[in-house]
Amino acid sequence: MIKLLENKLYEYSEELNTSIDKLSILLSFSGGIDSTVLAYLLIELKRSHSFKLNLIHFNHRTHNKSSHIEHFCRMFARKNKIHFYSMELFFKTKHNFESSARNKRYF
C-alpha cells in the first residue's frame, strides 16, 4: 500500500514538474479509519522524502462526538509533529448534508 502511494506522489510531482521533496500536501483529516491510515502512510513517506505535510479537520458539529473527534485529530497531529488546522463549518439546513459539506470544504 505504501509503495502505491509513493508511486502516486512521484507521478503527481512529475505532473507538477517538481521533485517530490518540494511537494506541499494538505490532507483533509476526518479522524476516521481511512484518513488516519492515509495520514500514517504519508507521515512514513515524509520521513524519507521530506515533503511538507499538513492536516486539516473540518468540524461540522453534527453529532455529540464532534469535539472528541476534533481533539483526536489535533492530538494525532501533535504526536506526529504535523501542522494542524481546524475549521468549523455551519449549515442553515441539513438538506443534502453530504453535498453541502463537500462544497464548503472545497471553498
C-alpha atoms as a PDB file:
ATOM      1  CA  MET A   1       0.000   0.000   0.000  1.00  0.00           C
ATOM      2  CA  ILE A   2       2.763   2.452   0.888  1.00  0.00           C
ATOM      3  CA  LYS A   3       4.564   1.726  -2.388  1.00  0.00           C
ATOM      4  CA  LEU A   4       1.382   2.501  -4.342  1.00  0.00           C
ATOM      5  CA  LEU A   5       1.023   5.839  -2.537  1.00  0.00           C
ATOM      6  CA  GLU A   6       4.703   6.613  -3.075  1.00  0.00           C
ATOM      7  CA  ASN A   7       4.306   5.945  -6.810  1.00  0.00           C
ATOM      8  CA  LYS A   8       1.291   8.273  -6.920  1.00  0.00           C
ATOM      9  CA  LEU A   9       3.325  11.007  -5.230  1.00  0.00           C
ATOM     10  CA  TYR A  10       6.080  10.566  -7.811  1.00  0.00           C
ATOM     11  CA  GLU A  11       3.511  10.776 -10.632  1.00  0.00           C
ATOM     12  CA  TYR A  12       1.991  13.883  -9.095  1.00  0.00           C
ATOM     13  CA  SER A  13       5.359  15.581  -8.663  1.00  0.00           C
ATOM     14  CA  GLU A  14       6.229  14.795 -12.294  1.00  0.00           C
ATOM     15  CA  GLU A  15       2.920  16.355 -13.424  1.00  0.00           C
ATOM     16  CA  LEU A  16       3.883  19.486 -11.495  1.00  0.00           C
ATOM     17  CA  ASN A  17       7.402  19.340 -12.906  1.00  0.00           C
ATOM     18  CA  THR A  18       8.956  19.378  -9.444  1.00  0.00           C
ATOM     19  CA  SER A  19      10.710  16.954  -7.159  1.00  0.00           C
ATOM     20  CA  ILE A  20       8.832  15.013  -4.501  1.00  0.00           C
ATOM     21  CA  ASP A  21      10.682  16.827  -1.694  1.00  0.00           C
ATOM     22  CA  LYS A  22       9.205  20.130  -2.940  1.00  0.00           C
ATOM     23  CA  LEU A  23       5.577  18.949  -2.613  1.00  0.00           C
ATOM     24  CA  SER A  24       3.267  20.523  -0.073  1.00  0.00           C
ATOM     25  CA  ILE A  25       0.338  18.305   0.915  1.00  0.00           C
ATOM     26  CA  LEU A  26      -2.729  19.337   2.889  1.00  0.00           C
ATOM     27  CA  LEU A  27      -4.702  16.250   3.934  1.00  0.00           C
ATOM     28  CA  SER A  28      -8.349  16.615   4.889  1.00  0.00           C
ATOM     29  CA  PHE A  29      -8.330  14.584   8.108  1.00  0.00           C
ATOM     30  CA  SER A  30     -11.682  13.374   9.447  1.00  0.00           C
ATOM     31  CA  GLY A  31     -10.216  11.162  12.153  1.00  0.00           C
ATOM     32  CA  GLY A  32     -11.900   8.118  10.620  1.00  0.00           C
ATOM     33  CA  ILE A  33     -10.028   4.947   9.765  1.00  0.00           C
ATOM     34  CA  ASP A  34      -9.467   5.864   6.097  1.00  0.00           C
ATOM     35  CA  SER A  35      -7.945   9.279   6.695  1.00  0.00           C
ATOM     36  CA  THR A  36      -5.957   8.031   9.719  1.00  0.00           C
ATOM     37  CA  VAL A  37      -4.348   5.235   7.694  1.00  0.00           C
ATOM     38  CA  LEU A  38      -3.624   7.652   4.841  1.00  0.00           C
ATOM     39  CA  ALA A  39      -2.085  10.121   7.307  1.00  0.00           C
ATOM     40  CA  TYR A  40       0.146   7.387   8.793  1.00  0.00           C
ATOM     41  CA  LEU A  41       1.311   6.364   5.322  1.00  0.00           C
ATOM     42  CA  LEU A  42       2.065   9.965   4.336  1.00  0.00           C
ATOM     43  CA  ILE A  43       3.969  10.506   7.586  1.00  0.00           C
ATOM     44  CA  GLU A  44       6.119   7.466   6.798  1.00  0.00           C
ATOM     45  CA  LEU A  45       6.807   8.744   3.285  1.00  0.00           C
ATOM     46  CA  LYS A  46       7.521  12.239   4.605  1.00  0.00           C
ATOM     47  CA  ARG A  47      10.373  10.802   6.666  1.00  0.00           C
ATOM     48  CA  SER A  48      12.170   9.565   3.569  1.00  0.00           C
ATOM     49  CA  HIS A  49      11.154  12.269   1.073  1.00  0.00           C
ATOM     50  CA  SER A  50      10.958  15.432   3.231  1.00  0.00           C
ATOM     51  CA  PHE A  51       7.864  16.941   1.582  1.00  0.00           C
ATOM     52  CA  LYS A  52       5.610  19.281   3.566  1.00  0.00           C
ATOM     53  CA  LEU A  53       2.566  17.671   5.155  1.00  0.00           C
ATOM     54  CA  ASN A  54      -0.262  19.430   6.982  1.00  0.00           C
ATOM     55  CA  LEU A  55      -3.593  18.154   8.267  1.00  0.00           C
ATOM     56  CA  ILE A  56      -6.925  19.963   8.277  1.00  0.00           C
ATOM     57  CA  HIS A  57     -10.050  18.870  10.108  1.00  0.00           C
ATOM     58  CA  PHE A  58     -13.485  20.204   9.176  1.00  0.00           C
ATOM     59  CA  ASN A  59     -15.782  20.082  12.184  1.00  0.00           C
ATOM     60  CA  HIS A  60     -19.421  20.131  11.102  1.00  0.00           C
ATOM     61  CA  ARG A  61     -20.715  19.943  14.704  1.00  0.00           C
ATOM     62  CA  THR A  62     -23.410  17.492  13.586  1.00  0.00           C
ATOM     63  CA  HIS A  63     -23.202  14.992  16.456  1.00  0.00           C
ATOM     64  CA  ASN A  64     -22.262  14.784  20.125  1.00  0.00           C
ATOM     65  CA  LYS A  65     -18.774  13.334  19.422  1.00  0.00           C
ATOM     66  CA  SER A  66     -17.664  16.153  17.120  1.00  0.00           C
ATOM     67  CA  SER A  67     -15.457  17.778  19.761  1.00  0.00           C
ATOM     68  CA  HIS A  68     -13.952  14.417  20.734  1.00  0.00           C
ATOM     69  CA  ILE A  69     -13.081  13.634  17.107  1.00  0.00           C
ATOM     70  CA  GLU A  70     -11.514  17.065  16.600  1.00  0.00           C
ATOM     71  CA  HIS A  71      -9.449  16.547  19.768  1.00  0.00           C
ATOM     72  CA  PHE A  72      -8.256  13.147  18.461  1.00  0.00           C
ATOM     73  CA  CYS A  73      -7.203  14.776  15.168  1.00  0.00           C
ATOM     74  CA  ARG A  74      -5.363  17.566  16.971  1.00  0.00           C
ATOM     75  CA  MET A  75      -3.518  15.121  19.264  1.00  0.00           C
ATOM     76  CA  PHE A  76      -2.661  12.840  16.331  1.00  0.00           C
ATOM     77  CA  ALA A  77      -1.062  15.782  14.532  1.00  0.00           C
ATOM     78  CA  ARG A  78       0.793  16.927  17.650  1.00  0.00           C
ATOM     79  CA  LYS A  79       2.109  13.409  18.372  1.00  0.00           C
ATOM     80  CA  ASN A  80       3.374  13.116  14.788  1.00  0.00           C
ATOM     81  CA  LYS A  81       4.735  16.688  14.662  1.00  0.00           C
ATOM     82  CA  ILE A  82       2.454  17.664  11.773  1.00  0.00           C
ATOM     83  CA  HIS A  83       0.964  21.149  11.499  1.00  0.00           C
ATOM     84  CA  PHE A  84      -2.783  21.035  12.143  1.00  0.00           C
ATOM     85  CA  TYR A  85      -5.632  23.288  11.038  1.00  0.00           C
ATOM     86  CA  SER A  86      -9.223  23.079  12.185  1.00  0.00           C
ATOM     87  CA  MET A  87     -12.217  24.749  10.664  1.00  0.00           C
ATOM     88  CA  GLU A  88     -15.848  24.768  11.776  1.00  0.00           C
ATOM     89  CA  LEU A  89     -18.482  24.629   9.070  1.00  0.00           C
ATOM     90  CA  PHE A  90     -22.085  25.551   9.798  1.00  0.00           C
ATOM     91  CA  PHE A  91     -25.154  24.910   7.687  1.00  0.00           C
ATOM     92  CA  LYS A  92     -28.506  26.664   7.576  1.00  0.00           C
ATOM     93  CA  THR A  93     -30.207  23.440   6.530  1.00  0.00           C
ATOM     94  CA  LYS A  94     -29.395  19.750   6.780  1.00  0.00           C
ATOM     95  CA  HIS A  95     -30.966  19.044   3.403  1.00  0.00           C
ATOM     96  CA  ASN A  96     -28.448  17.053   1.329  1.00  0.00           C
ATOM     97  CA  PHE A  97     -25.824  17.410   4.068  1.00  0.00           C
ATOM     98  CA  GLU A  98     -23.055  15.396   2.334  1.00  0.00           C
ATOM     99  CA  SER A  99     -23.190  17.518  -0.811  1.00  0.00           C
ATOM    100  CA  SER A 100     -23.328  20.777   1.169  1.00  0.00           C
ATOM    101  CA  ALA A 101     -20.409  19.706   3.389  1.00  0.00           C
ATOM    102  CA  ARG A 102     -18.290  18.720   0.363  1.00  0.00           C
ATOM    103  CA  ASN A 103     -18.973  22.062  -1.338  1.00  0.00           C
ATOM    104  CA  LYS A 104     -17.976  24.010   1.794  1.00  0.00           C
ATOM    105  CA  ARG A 105     -14.744  22.003   2.232  1.00  0.00           C
ATOM    106  CA  TYR A 106     -13.695  22.786  -1.318  1.00  0.00           C
ATOM    107  CA  PHE A 107     -14.456  26.501  -0.912  1.00  0.00           C
END
